[in-house]
Amino acid sequence: YVDSEGKPYQSNLKEIKRRYEVEVSFMNAQEDKRFEV
């Protein structure tokens, strides 16, 4: 989402980054689980 000046909202960018990091973290946890098995 962007404001009237065309700049992206920082809260939106932070949320996208946070969701990406959650996905990557979950994937890493699953890979660790596989390694343990």
PDB file of all heavy atoms in Angstrom:
ATOM      1  N   TYR A   1       0.840  -1.187   0.000  1.00  0.00           N
ATOM      2  CA  TYR A   1       0.000   0.000   0.000  1.00  0.00           C
ATOM      3  C   TYR A   1       0.879   1.241   0.000  1.00  0.00           C
ATOM      4  O   TYR A   1       1.895   1.290   0.699  1.00  0.00           O
ATOM      5  CB  TYR A   1      -0.921   0.006   1.222  1.00  0.00           C
ATOM      6  CG  TYR A   1      -1.866  -1.171   1.232  1.00  0.00           C
ATOM      7  CD1 TYR A   1      -1.640  -2.270   2.059  1.00  0.00           C
ATOM      8  CD2 TYR A   1      -2.976  -1.196   0.404  1.00  0.00           C
ATOM      9  CE1 TYR A   1      -2.493  -3.352   2.060  1.00  0.00           C
ATOM     10  CE2 TYR A   1      -3.836  -2.279   0.395  1.00  0.00           C
ATOM     11  CZ  TYR A   1      -3.592  -3.345   1.229  1.00  0.00           C
ATOM     12  OH  TYR A   1      -4.444  -4.420   1.218  1.00  0.00           O
ATOM     13  N   VAL A   2       0.480   2.236  -0.791  1.00  0.00           N
ATOM     14  CA  VAL A   2       1.244   3.479  -0.891  1.00  0.00           C
ATOM     15  C   VAL A   2       0.358   4.662  -0.522  1.00  0.00           C
ATOM     16  O   VAL A   2      -0.868   4.614  -0.669  1.00  0.00           O
ATOM     17  CB  VAL A   2       1.832   3.683  -2.306  1.00  0.00           C
ATOM     18  CG1 VAL A   2       2.863   2.620  -2.622  1.00  0.00           C
ATOM     19  CG2 VAL A   2       0.746   3.675  -3.357  1.00  0.00           C
ATOM     20  N   ASP A   3       1.000   5.734  -0.055  1.00  0.00           N
ATOM     21  CA  ASP A   3       0.246   6.946   0.279  1.00  0.00           C
ATOM     22  C   ASP A   3       0.031   7.799  -0.964  1.00  0.00           C
ATOM     23  O   ASP A   3       0.366   7.386  -2.085  1.00  0.00           O
ATOM     24  CB  ASP A   3       0.961   7.732   1.388  1.00  0.00           C
ATOM     25  CG  ASP A   3       2.362   8.180   0.994  1.00  0.00           C
ATOM     26  OD1 ASP A   3       2.696   8.144  -0.212  1.00  0.00           O
ATOM     27  OD2 ASP A   3       3.125   8.572   1.897  1.00  0.00           O
ATOM     28  N   SER A   4      -0.507   8.985  -0.789  1.00  0.00           N
ATOM     29  CA  SER A   4      -0.829   9.862  -1.923  1.00  0.00           C
ATOM     30  C   SER A   4       0.417  10.322  -2.681  1.00  0.00           C
ATOM     31  O   SER A   4       0.334  10.691  -3.848  1.00  0.00           O
ATOM     32  CB  SER A   4      -1.632  11.069  -1.449  1.00  0.00           C
ATOM     33  OG  SER A   4      -0.882  11.790  -0.480  1.00  0.00           O
ATOM     34  N   GLU A   5       1.569  10.275  -2.037  1.00  0.00           N
ATOM     35  CA  GLU A   5       2.822  10.665  -2.685  1.00  0.00           C
ATOM     36  C   GLU A   5       3.507   9.493  -3.378  1.00  0.00           C
ATOM     37  O   GLU A   5       4.563   9.656  -3.980  1.00  0.00           O
ATOM     38  CB  GLU A   5       3.769  11.292  -1.654  1.00  0.00           C
ATOM     39  CG  GLU A   5       3.234  12.565  -1.030  1.00  0.00           C
ATOM     40  CD  GLU A   5       4.108  13.059   0.099  1.00  0.00           C
ATOM     41  OE1 GLU A   5       5.181  12.452   0.349  1.00  0.00           O
ATOM     42  OE2 GLU A   5       3.718  14.045   0.739  1.00  0.00           O
ATOM     43  N   GLY A   6       2.946   8.316  -3.268  1.00  0.00           N
ATOM     44  CA  GLY A   6       3.509   7.137  -3.912  1.00  0.00           C
ATOM     45  C   GLY A   6       4.537   6.407  -3.057  1.00  0.00           C
ATOM     46  O   GLY A   6       5.182   5.474  -3.519  1.00  0.00           O
ATOM     47  N   LYS A   7       4.690   6.829  -1.810  1.00  0.00           N
ATOM     48  CA  LYS A   7       5.626   6.159  -0.898  1.00  0.00           C
ATOM     49  C   LYS A   7       4.899   5.033  -0.173  1.00  0.00           C
ATOM     50  O   LYS A   7       3.773   5.202   0.275  1.00  0.00           O
ATOM     51  CB  LYS A   7       6.183   7.144   0.128  1.00  0.00           C
ATOM     52  CG  LYS A   7       7.055   8.216  -0.481  1.00  0.00           C
ATOM     53  CD  LYS A   7       7.587   9.120   0.594  1.00  0.00           C
ATOM     54  CE  LYS A   7       8.451  10.219  -0.015  1.00  0.00           C
ATOM     55  NZ  LYS A   7       8.952  11.122   1.035  1.00  0.00           N
ATOM     56  N   PRO A   8       5.560   3.881  -0.051  1.00  0.00           N
ATOM     57  CA  PRO A   8       4.905   2.765   0.646  1.00  0.00           C
ATOM     58  C   PRO A   8       4.817   3.035   2.147  1.00  0.00           C
ATOM     59  O   PRO A   8       5.697   3.677   2.725  1.00  0.00           O
ATOM     60  CB  PRO A   8       5.819   1.574   0.351  1.00  0.00           C
ATOM     61  CG  PRO A   8       7.140   2.173   0.039  1.00  0.00           C
ATOM     62  CD  PRO A   8       6.876   3.513  -0.565  1.00  0.00           C
ATOM     63  N   TYR A   9       3.733   2.558   2.744  1.00  0.00           N
ATOM     64  CA  TYR A   9       3.578   2.684   4.197  1.00  0.00           C
ATOM     65  C   TYR A   9       4.601   1.779   4.882  1.00  0.00           C
ATOM     66  O   TYR A   9       4.738   0.604   4.539  1.00  0.00           O
ATOM     67  CB  TYR A   9       2.168   2.279   4.621  1.00  0.00           C
ATOM     68  CG  TYR A   9       1.110   3.265   4.211  1.00  0.00           C
ATOM     69  CD1 TYR A   9       0.197   2.947   3.209  1.00  0.00           C
ATOM     70  CD2 TYR A   9       1.011   4.508   4.822  1.00  0.00           C
ATOM     71  CE1 TYR A   9      -0.787   3.850   2.829  1.00  0.00           C
ATOM     72  CE2 TYR A   9       0.030   5.417   4.449  1.00  0.00           C
ATOM     73  CZ  TYR A   9      -0.863   5.076   3.453  1.00  0.00           C
ATOM     74  OH  TYR A   9      -1.828   5.972   3.075  1.00  0.00           O
ATOM     75  N   GLN A  10       5.298   2.340   5.851  1.00  0.00           N
ATOM     76  CA  GLN A  10       6.323   1.579   6.561  1.00  0.00           C
ATOM     77  C   GLN A  10       5.718   0.408   7.342  1.00  0.00           C
ATOM     78  O   GLN A  10       6.294  -0.670   7.385  1.00  0.00           O
ATOM     79  CB  GLN A  10       7.111   2.502   7.502  1.00  0.00           C
ATOM     80  CG  GLN A  10       8.022   3.468   6.779  1.00  0.00           C
ATOM     81  CD  GLN A  10       9.077   2.731   5.982  1.00  0.00           C
ATOM     82  OE1 GLN A  10       9.898   2.013   6.528  1.00  0.00           O
ATOM     83  NE2 GLN A  10       9.036   2.885   4.669  1.00  0.00           N
ATOM     84  N   SER A  11       4.559   0.622   7.931  1.00  0.00           N
ATOM     85  CA  SER A  11       3.928  -0.458   8.692  1.00  0.00           C
ATOM     86  C   SER A  11       3.589  -1.634   7.780  1.00  0.00           C
ATOM     87  O   SER A  11       3.730  -2.794   8.179  1.00  0.00           O
ATOM     88  CB  SER A  11       2.665   0.050   9.389  1.00  0.00           C
ATOM     89  OG  SER A  11       1.738   0.543   8.443  1.00  0.00           O
ATOM     90  N   ASN A  12       3.181  -1.344   6.559  1.00  0.00           N
ATOM     91  CA  ASN A  12       2.871  -2.390   5.583  1.00  0.00           C
ATOM     92  C   ASN A  12       4.134  -3.160   5.211  1.00  0.00           C
ATOM     93  O   ASN A  12       4.134  -4.403   5.156  1.00  0.00           O
ATOM     94  CB  ASN A  12       2.212  -1.753   4.362  1.00  0.00           C
ATOM     95  CG  ASN A  12       1.868  -2.737   3.272  1.00  0.00           C
ATOM     96  OD1 ASN A  12       2.265  -2.544   2.135  1.00  0.00           O
ATOM     97  ND2 ASN A  12       1.126  -3.778   3.593  1.00  0.00           N
ATOM     98  N   LEU A  13       5.225  -2.431   4.959  1.00  0.00           N
ATOM     99  CA  LEU A  13       6.490  -3.084   4.596  1.00  0.00           C
ATOM    100  C   LEU A  13       7.022  -3.928   5.759  1.00  0.00           C
ATOM    101  O   LEU A  13       7.519  -5.035   5.551  1.00  0.00           O
ATOM    102  CB  LEU A  13       7.531  -2.034   4.185  1.00  0.00           C
ATOM    103  CG  LEU A  13       7.209  -1.226   2.931  1.00  0.00           C
ATOM    104  CD1 LEU A  13       8.308  -0.210   2.674  1.00  0.00           C
ATOM    105  CD2 LEU A  13       7.020  -2.123   1.728  1.00  0.00           C
ATOM    106  N   LYS A  14       6.884  -3.409   6.974  1.00  0.00           N
ATOM    107  CA  LYS A  14       7.337  -4.163   8.153  1.00  0.00           C
ATOM    108  C   LYS A  14       6.528  -5.442   8.318  1.00  0.00           C
ATOM    109  O   LYS A  14       7.076  -6.496   8.682  1.00  0.00           O
ATOM    110  CB  LYS A  14       7.235  -3.296   9.404  1.00  0.00           C
ATOM    111  CG  LYS A  14       8.276  -2.204   9.463  1.00  0.00           C
ATOM    112  CD  LYS A  14       8.089  -1.316  10.674  1.00  0.00           C
ATOM    113  CE  LYS A  14       9.074  -0.162  10.653  1.00  0.00           C
ATOM    114  NZ  LYS A  14       8.848   0.786  11.740  1.00  0.00           N
ATOM    115  N   GLU A  15       5.227  -5.362   8.054  1.00  0.00           N
ATOM    116  CA  GLU A  15       4.369  -6.542   8.167  1.00  0.00           C
ATOM    117  C   GLU A  15       4.730  -7.583   7.110  1.00  0.00           C
ATOM    118  O   GLU A  15       4.775  -8.780   7.398  1.00  0.00           O
ATOM    119  CB  GLU A  15       2.894  -6.139   8.034  1.00  0.00           C
ATOM    120  CG  GLU A  15       1.932  -7.293   8.150  1.00  0.00           C
ATOM    121  CD  GLU A  15       1.935  -7.977   9.505  1.00  0.00           C
ATOM    122  OE1 GLU A  15       2.460  -7.412  10.488  1.00  0.00           O
ATOM    123  OE2 GLU A  15       1.422  -9.107   9.579  1.00  0.00           O
ATOM    124  N   ILE A  16       5.010  -7.151   5.893  1.00  0.00           N
ATOM    125  CA  ILE A  16       5.433  -8.076   4.832  1.00  0.00           C
ATOM    126  C   ILE A  16       6.741  -8.752   5.233  1.00  0.00           C
ATOM    127  O   ILE A  16       6.882  -9.972   5.111  1.00  0.00           O
ATOM    128  CB  ILE A  16       5.571  -7.339   3.483  1.00  0.00           C
ATOM    129  CG1 ILE A  16       4.195  -6.904   2.973  1.00  0.00           C
ATOM    130  CG2 ILE A  16       6.271  -8.215   2.448  1.00  0.00           C
ATOM    131  CD1 ILE A  16       4.241  -5.972   1.782  1.00  0.00           C
ATOM    132  N   LYS A  17       7.677  -7.972   5.744  1.00  0.00           N
ATOM    133  CA  LYS A  17       8.971  -8.523   6.172  1.00  0.00           C
ATOM    134  C   LYS A  17       8.770  -9.508   7.326  1.00  0.00           C
ATOM    135  O   LYS A  17       9.363 -10.590   7.342  1.00  0.00           O
ATOM    136  CB  LYS A  17       9.903  -7.394   6.594  1.00  0.00           C
ATOM    137  CG  LYS A  17      11.263  -7.871   7.015  1.00  0.00           C
ATOM    138  CD  LYS A  17      12.164  -6.724   7.432  1.00  0.00           C
ATOM    139  CE  LYS A  17      13.497  -7.263   7.909  1.00  0.00           C
ATOM    140  NZ  LYS A  17      14.305  -6.243   8.533  1.00  0.00           N
ATOM    141  N   ARG A  18       7.906  -9.149   8.272  1.00  0.00           N
ATOM    142  CA  ARG A  18       7.658 -10.022   9.425  1.00  0.00           C
ATOM    143  C   ARG A  18       7.051 -11.353   8.971  1.00  0.00           C
ATOM    144  O   ARG A  18       7.483 -12.420   9.410  1.00  0.00           O
ATOM    145  CB  ARG A  18       6.715  -9.333  10.409  1.00  0.00           C
ATOM    146  CG  ARG A  18       6.502 -10.132  11.696  1.00  0.00           C
ATOM    147  CD  ARG A  18       5.357  -9.592  12.522  1.00  0.00           C
ATOM    148  NE  ARG A  18       4.066  -9.790  11.901  1.00  0.00           N
ATOM    149  CZ  ARG A  18       3.410 -10.954  11.870  1.00  0.00           C
ATOM    150  NH1 ARG A  18       3.933 -12.038  12.407  1.00  0.00           N
ATOM    151  NH2 ARG A  18       2.229 -11.046  11.283  1.00  0.00           N
ATOM    152  N   ARG A  19       6.067 -11.288   8.059  1.00  0.00           N
ATOM    153  CA  ARG A  19       5.433 -12.522   7.579  1.00  0.00           C
ATOM    154  C   ARG A  19       6.427 -13.404   6.828  1.00  0.00           C
ATOM    155  O   ARG A  19       6.407 -14.629   6.954  1.00  0.00           O
ATOM    156  CB  ARG A  19       4.245 -12.192   6.687  1.00  0.00           C
ATOM    157  CG  ARG A  19       3.066 -11.672   7.456  1.00  0.00           C
ATOM    158  CD  ARG A  19       1.899 -11.425   6.556  1.00  0.00           C
ATOM    159  NE  ARG A  19       0.773 -10.903   7.313  1.00  0.00           N
ATOM    160  CZ  ARG A  19      -0.392 -10.618   6.779  1.00  0.00           C
ATOM    161  NH1 ARG A  19      -0.591 -10.809   5.486  1.00  0.00           N
ATOM    162  NH2 ARG A  19      -1.357 -10.147   7.525  1.00  0.00           N
ATOM    163  N   TYR A  20       7.282 -12.780   6.043  1.00  0.00           N
ATOM    164  CA  TYR A  20       8.313 -13.538   5.324  1.00  0.00           C
ATOM    165  C   TYR A  20       9.236 -14.234   6.318  1.00  0.00           C
ATOM    166  O   TYR A  20       9.544 -15.415   6.174  1.00  0.00           O
ATOM    167  CB  TYR A  20       9.107 -12.607   4.402  1.00  0.00           C
ATOM    168  CG  TYR A  20      10.323 -13.253   3.795  1.00  0.00           C
ATOM    169  CD1 TYR A  20      10.190 -14.176   2.759  1.00  0.00           C
ATOM    170  CD2 TYR A  20      11.603 -12.964   4.259  1.00  0.00           C
ATOM    171  CE1 TYR A  20      11.304 -14.788   2.206  1.00  0.00           C
ATOM    172  CE2 TYR A  20      12.713 -13.572   3.711  1.00  0.00           C
ATOM    173  CZ  TYR A  20      12.558 -14.481   2.688  1.00  0.00           C
ATOM    174  OH  TYR A  20      13.661 -15.088   2.150  1.00  0.00           O
ATOM    175  N   GLU A  21       9.660 -13.509   7.334  1.00  0.00           N
ATOM    176  CA  GLU A  21      10.566 -14.094   8.331  1.00  0.00           C
ATOM    177  C   GLU A  21       9.899 -15.225   9.100  1.00  0.00           C
ATOM    178  O   GLU A  21      10.553 -16.212   9.453  1.00  0.00           O
ATOM    179  CB  GLU A  21      11.067 -13.000   9.275  1.00  0.00           C
ATOM    180  CG  GLU A  21      12.039 -12.045   8.603  1.00  0.00           C
ATOM    181  CD  GLU A  21      12.396 -10.831   9.443  1.00  0.00           C
ATOM    182  OE1 GLU A  21      11.743 -10.597  10.490  1.00  0.00           O
ATOM    183  OE2 GLU A  21      13.325 -10.113   9.044  1.00  0.00           O
ATOM    184  N   VAL A  22       8.593 -15.111   9.352  1.00  0.00           N
ATOM    185  CA  VAL A  22       7.860 -16.189  10.023  1.00  0.00           C
ATOM    186  C   VAL A  22       7.855 -17.439   9.142  1.00  0.00           C
ATOM    187  O   VAL A  22       8.092 -18.551   9.630  1.00  0.00           O
ATOM    188  CB  VAL A  22       6.419 -15.741  10.362  1.00  0.00           C
ATOM    189  CG1 VAL A  22       5.538 -16.920  10.731  1.00  0.00           C
ATOM    190  CG2 VAL A  22       6.442 -14.721  11.482  1.00  0.00           C
ATOM    191  N   GLU A  23       7.588 -17.270   7.843  1.00  0.00           N
ATOM    192  CA  GLU A  23       7.580 -18.408   6.911  1.00  0.00           C
ATOM    193  C   GLU A  23       8.953 -19.091   6.870  1.00  0.00           C
ATOM    194  O   GLU A  23       9.053 -20.311   6.931  1.00  0.00           O
ATOM    195  CB  GLU A  23       7.185 -17.956   5.502  1.00  0.00           C
ATOM    196  CG  GLU A  23       5.763 -17.489   5.370  1.00  0.00           C
ATOM    197  CD  GLU A  23       4.781 -18.612   5.164  1.00  0.00           C
ATOM    198  OE1 GLU A  23       5.198 -19.692   4.721  1.00  0.00           O
ATOM    199  OE2 GLU A  23       3.599 -18.397   5.445  1.00  0.00           O
ATOM    200  N   VAL A  24       9.995 -18.285   6.758  1.00  0.00           N
ATOM    201  CA  VAL A  24      11.351 -18.829   6.699  1.00  0.00           C
ATOM    202  C   VAL A  24      11.703 -19.523   8.014  1.00  0.00           C
ATOM    203  O   VAL A  24      12.301 -20.605   8.017  1.00  0.00           O
ATOM    204  CB  VAL A  24      12.372 -17.718   6.356  1.00  0.00           C
ATOM    205  CG1 VAL A  24      13.799 -18.209   6.528  1.00  0.00           C
ATOM    206  CG2 VAL A  24      12.153 -17.223   4.938  1.00  0.00           C
ATOM    207  N   SER A  25      11.302 -18.926   9.123  1.00  0.00           N
ATOM    208  CA  SER A  25      11.570 -19.523  10.429  1.00  0.00           C
ATOM    209  C   SER A  25      10.874 -20.875  10.565  1.00  0.00           C
ATOM    210  O   SER A  25      11.460 -21.843  11.065  1.00  0.00           O
ATOM    211  CB  SER A  25      11.093 -18.573  11.526  1.00  0.00           C
ATOM    212  OG  SER A  25      11.198 -19.167  12.784  1.00  0.00           O
ATOM    213  N   PHE A  26       9.615 -20.956  10.106  1.00  0.00           N
ATOM    214  CA  PHE A  26       8.884 -22.218  10.170  1.00  0.00           C
ATOM    215  C   PHE A  26       9.544 -23.266   9.284  1.00  0.00           C
ATOM    216  O   PHE A  26       9.658 -24.431   9.669  1.00  0.00           O
ATOM    217  CB  PHE A  26       7.423 -22.009   9.780  1.00  0.00           C
ATOM    218  CG  PHE A  26       6.580 -23.235   9.957  1.00  0.00           C
ATOM    219  CD1 PHE A  26       6.364 -23.777  11.210  1.00  0.00           C
ATOM    220  CD2 PHE A  26       6.015 -23.863   8.866  1.00  0.00           C
ATOM    221  CE1 PHE A  26       5.595 -24.921  11.374  1.00  0.00           C
ATOM    222  CE2 PHE A  26       5.249 -25.002   9.008  1.00  0.00           C
ATOM    223  CZ  PHE A  26       5.030 -25.532  10.270  1.00  0.00           C
ATOM    224  N   MET A  27       9.995 -22.852   8.098  1.00  0.00           N
ATOM    225  CA  MET A  27      10.673 -23.782   7.199  1.00  0.00           C
ATOM    226  C   MET A  27      11.963 -24.297   7.854  1.00  0.00           C
ATOM    227  O   MET A  27      12.250 -25.495   7.815  1.00  0.00           O
ATOM    228  CB  MET A  27      11.009 -23.110   5.870  1.00  0.00           C
ATOM    229  CG  MET A  27      11.680 -24.057   4.880  1.00  0.00           C
ATOM    230  SD  MET A  27      12.132 -23.279   3.336  1.00  0.00           S
ATOM    231  CE  MET A  27      13.381 -22.129   3.877  1.00  0.00           C
ATOM    232  N   ASN A  28      12.718 -23.406   8.478  1.00  0.00           N
ATOM    233  CA  ASN A  28      13.947 -23.821   9.156  1.00  0.00           C
ATOM    234  C   ASN A  28      13.645 -24.781  10.302  1.00  0.00           C
ATOM    235  O   ASN A  28      14.388 -25.748  10.517  1.00  0.00           O
ATOM    236  CB  ASN A  28      14.710 -22.603   9.664  1.00  0.00           C
ATOM    237  CG  ASN A  28      15.308 -21.788   8.538  1.00  0.00           C
ATOM    238  OD1 ASN A  28      15.513 -22.283   7.439  1.00  0.00           O
ATOM    239  ND2 ASN A  28      15.554 -20.520   8.799  1.00  0.00           N
ATOM    240  N   ALA A  29      12.551 -24.535  11.028  1.00  0.00           N
ATOM    241  CA  ALA A  29      12.163 -25.434  12.112  1.00  0.00           C
ATOM    242  C   ALA A  29      11.815 -26.819  11.568  1.00  0.00           C
ATOM    243  O   ALA A  29      12.194 -27.835  12.165  1.00  0.00           O
ATOM    244  CB  ALA A  29      10.984 -24.853  12.872  1.00  0.00           C
ATOM    245  N   GLN A  30      11.124 -26.867  10.437  1.00  0.00           N
ATOM    246  CA  GLN A  30      10.787 -28.150   9.828  1.00  0.00           C
ATOM    247  C   GLN A  30      12.042 -28.876   9.339  1.00  0.00           C
ATOM    248  O   GLN A  30      12.156 -30.087   9.466  1.00  0.00           O
ATOM    249  CB  GLN A  30       9.795 -27.966   8.672  1.00  0.00           C
ATOM    250  CG  GLN A  30       8.413 -27.535   9.111  1.00  0.00           C
ATOM    251  CD  GLN A  30       7.743 -28.585   9.975  1.00  0.00           C
ATOM    252  OE1 GLN A  30       7.807 -28.511  11.202  1.00  0.00           O
ATOM    253  NE2 GLN A  30       7.120 -29.544   9.368  1.00  0.00           N
ATOM    254  N   GLU A  31      12.994 -28.133   8.786  1.00  0.00           N
ATOM    255  CA  GLU A  31      14.242 -28.752   8.343  1.00  0.00           C
ATOM    256  C   GLU A  31      15.039 -29.275   9.535  1.00  0.00           C
ATOM    257  O   GLU A  31      15.661 -30.335   9.451  1.00  0.00           O
ATOM    258  CB  GLU A  31      15.055 -27.760   7.516  1.00  0.00           C
ATOM    259  CG  GLU A  31      14.447 -27.527   6.143  1.00  0.00           C
ATOM    260  CD  GLU A  31      15.155 -26.470   5.325  1.00  0.00           C
ATOM    261  OE1 GLU A  31      15.896 -25.639   5.894  1.00  0.00           O
ATOM    262  OE2 GLU A  31      14.951 -26.461   4.087  1.00  0.00           O
ATOM    263  N   ASP A  32      15.011 -28.560  10.657  1.00  0.00           N
ATOM    264  CA  ASP A  32      15.665 -29.041  11.875  1.00  0.00           C
ATOM    265  C   ASP A  32      14.989 -30.311  12.384  1.00  0.00           C
ATOM    266  O   ASP A  32      15.658 -31.247  12.829  1.00  0.00           O
ATOM    267  CB  ASP A  32      15.636 -27.966  12.971  1.00  0.00           C
ATOM    268  CG  ASP A  32      16.525 -26.780  12.661  1.00  0.00           C
ATOM    269  OD1 ASP A  32      17.387 -26.894  11.755  1.00  0.00           O
ATOM    270  OD2 ASP A  32      16.355 -25.728  13.319  1.00  0.00           O
ATOM    271  N   LYS A  33      13.660 -30.329  12.296  1.00  0.00           N
ATOM    272  CA  LYS A  33      12.901 -31.509  12.714  1.00  0.00           C
ATOM    273  C   LYS A  33      13.275 -32.710  11.846  1.00  0.00           C
ATOM    274  O   LYS A  33      13.461 -33.822  12.350  1.00  0.00           O
ATOM    275  CB  LYS A  33      11.408 -31.202  12.606  1.00  0.00           C
ATOM    276  CG  LYS A  33      10.505 -32.234  13.193  1.00  0.00           C
ATOM    277  CD  LYS A  33       9.059 -31.743  13.130  1.00  0.00           C
ATOM    278  CE  LYS A  33       8.108 -32.747  13.684  1.00  0.00           C
ATOM    279  NZ  LYS A  33       6.711 -32.276  13.587  1.00  0.00           N
ATOM    280  N   ARG A  34      13.387 -32.480  10.535  1.00  0.00           N
ATOM    281  CA  ARG A  34      13.790 -33.551   9.610  1.00  0.00           C
ATOM    282  C   ARG A  34      15.183 -34.066   9.973  1.00  0.00           C
ATOM    283  O   ARG A  34      15.423 -35.274  10.006  1.00  0.00           O
ATOM    284  CB  ARG A  34      13.767 -33.044   8.177  1.00  0.00           C
ATOM    285  CG  ARG A  34      14.248 -34.061   7.158  1.00  0.00           C
ATOM    286  CD  ARG A  34      14.212 -33.563   5.755  1.00  0.00           C
ATOM    287  NE  ARG A  34      15.019 -32.358   5.611  1.00  0.00           N
ATOM    288  CZ  ARG A  34      15.097 -31.629   4.516  1.00  0.00           C
ATOM    289  NH1 ARG A  34      14.414 -31.950   3.457  1.00  0.00           N
ATOM    290  NH2 ARG A  34      15.855 -30.564   4.470  1.00  0.00           N
ATOM    291  N   PHE A  35      16.101 -33.158  10.282  1.00  0.00           N
ATOM    292  CA  PHE A  35      17.457 -33.543  10.661  1.00  0.00           C
ATOM    293  C   PHE A  35      17.435 -34.395  11.923  1.00  0.00           C
ATOM    294  O   PHE A  35      18.160 -35.396  12.017  1.00  0.00           O
ATOM    295  CB  PHE A  35      18.316 -32.285  10.863  1.00  0.00           C
ATOM    296  CG  PHE A  35      19.719 -32.572  11.271  1.00  0.00           C
ATOM    297  CD1 PHE A  35      20.629 -33.098  10.366  1.00  0.00           C
ATOM    298  CD2 PHE A  35      20.134 -32.331  12.575  1.00  0.00           C
ATOM    299  CE1 PHE A  35      21.937 -33.378  10.753  1.00  0.00           C
ATOM    300  CE2 PHE A  35      21.428 -32.606  12.965  1.00  0.00           C
ATOM    301  CZ  PHE A  35      22.332 -33.129  12.056  1.00  0.00           C
ATOM    302  N   GLU A  36      16.600 -34.020  12.887  1.00  0.00           N
ATOM    303  CA  GLU A  36      16.501 -34.796  14.130  1.00  0.00           C
ATOM    304  C   GLU A  36      15.969 -36.206  13.866  1.00  0.00           C
ATOM    305  O   GLU A  36      16.428 -37.171  14.469  1.00  0.00           O
ATOM    306  CB  GLU A  36      15.613 -34.078  15.151  1.00  0.00           C
ATOM    307  CG  GLU A  36      16.221 -32.802  15.696  1.00  0.00           C
ATOM    308  CD  GLU A  36      17.550 -33.019  16.402  1.00  0.00           C
ATOM    309  OE1 GLU A  36      17.690 -34.018  17.151  1.00  0.00           O
ATOM    310  OE2 GLU A  36      18.463 -32.196  16.189  1.00  0.00           O
ATOM    311  N   VAL A  37      15.013 -36.324  12.950  1.00  0.00           N
ATOM    312  CA  VAL A  37      14.475 -37.647  12.606  1.00  0.00           C
ATOM    313  C   VAL A  37      15.564 -38.485  11.943  1.00  0.00           C
ATOM    314  O   VAL A  37      15.715 -39.675  12.255  1.00  0.00           O
ATOM    315  CB  VAL A  37      13.228 -37.532  11.701  1.00  0.00           C
ATOM    316  CG1 VAL A  37      12.809 -38.889  11.165  1.00  0.00           C
ATOM    317  CG2 VAL A  37      12.085 -36.880  12.461  1.00  0.00           C
TER     318      VAL A  37
END
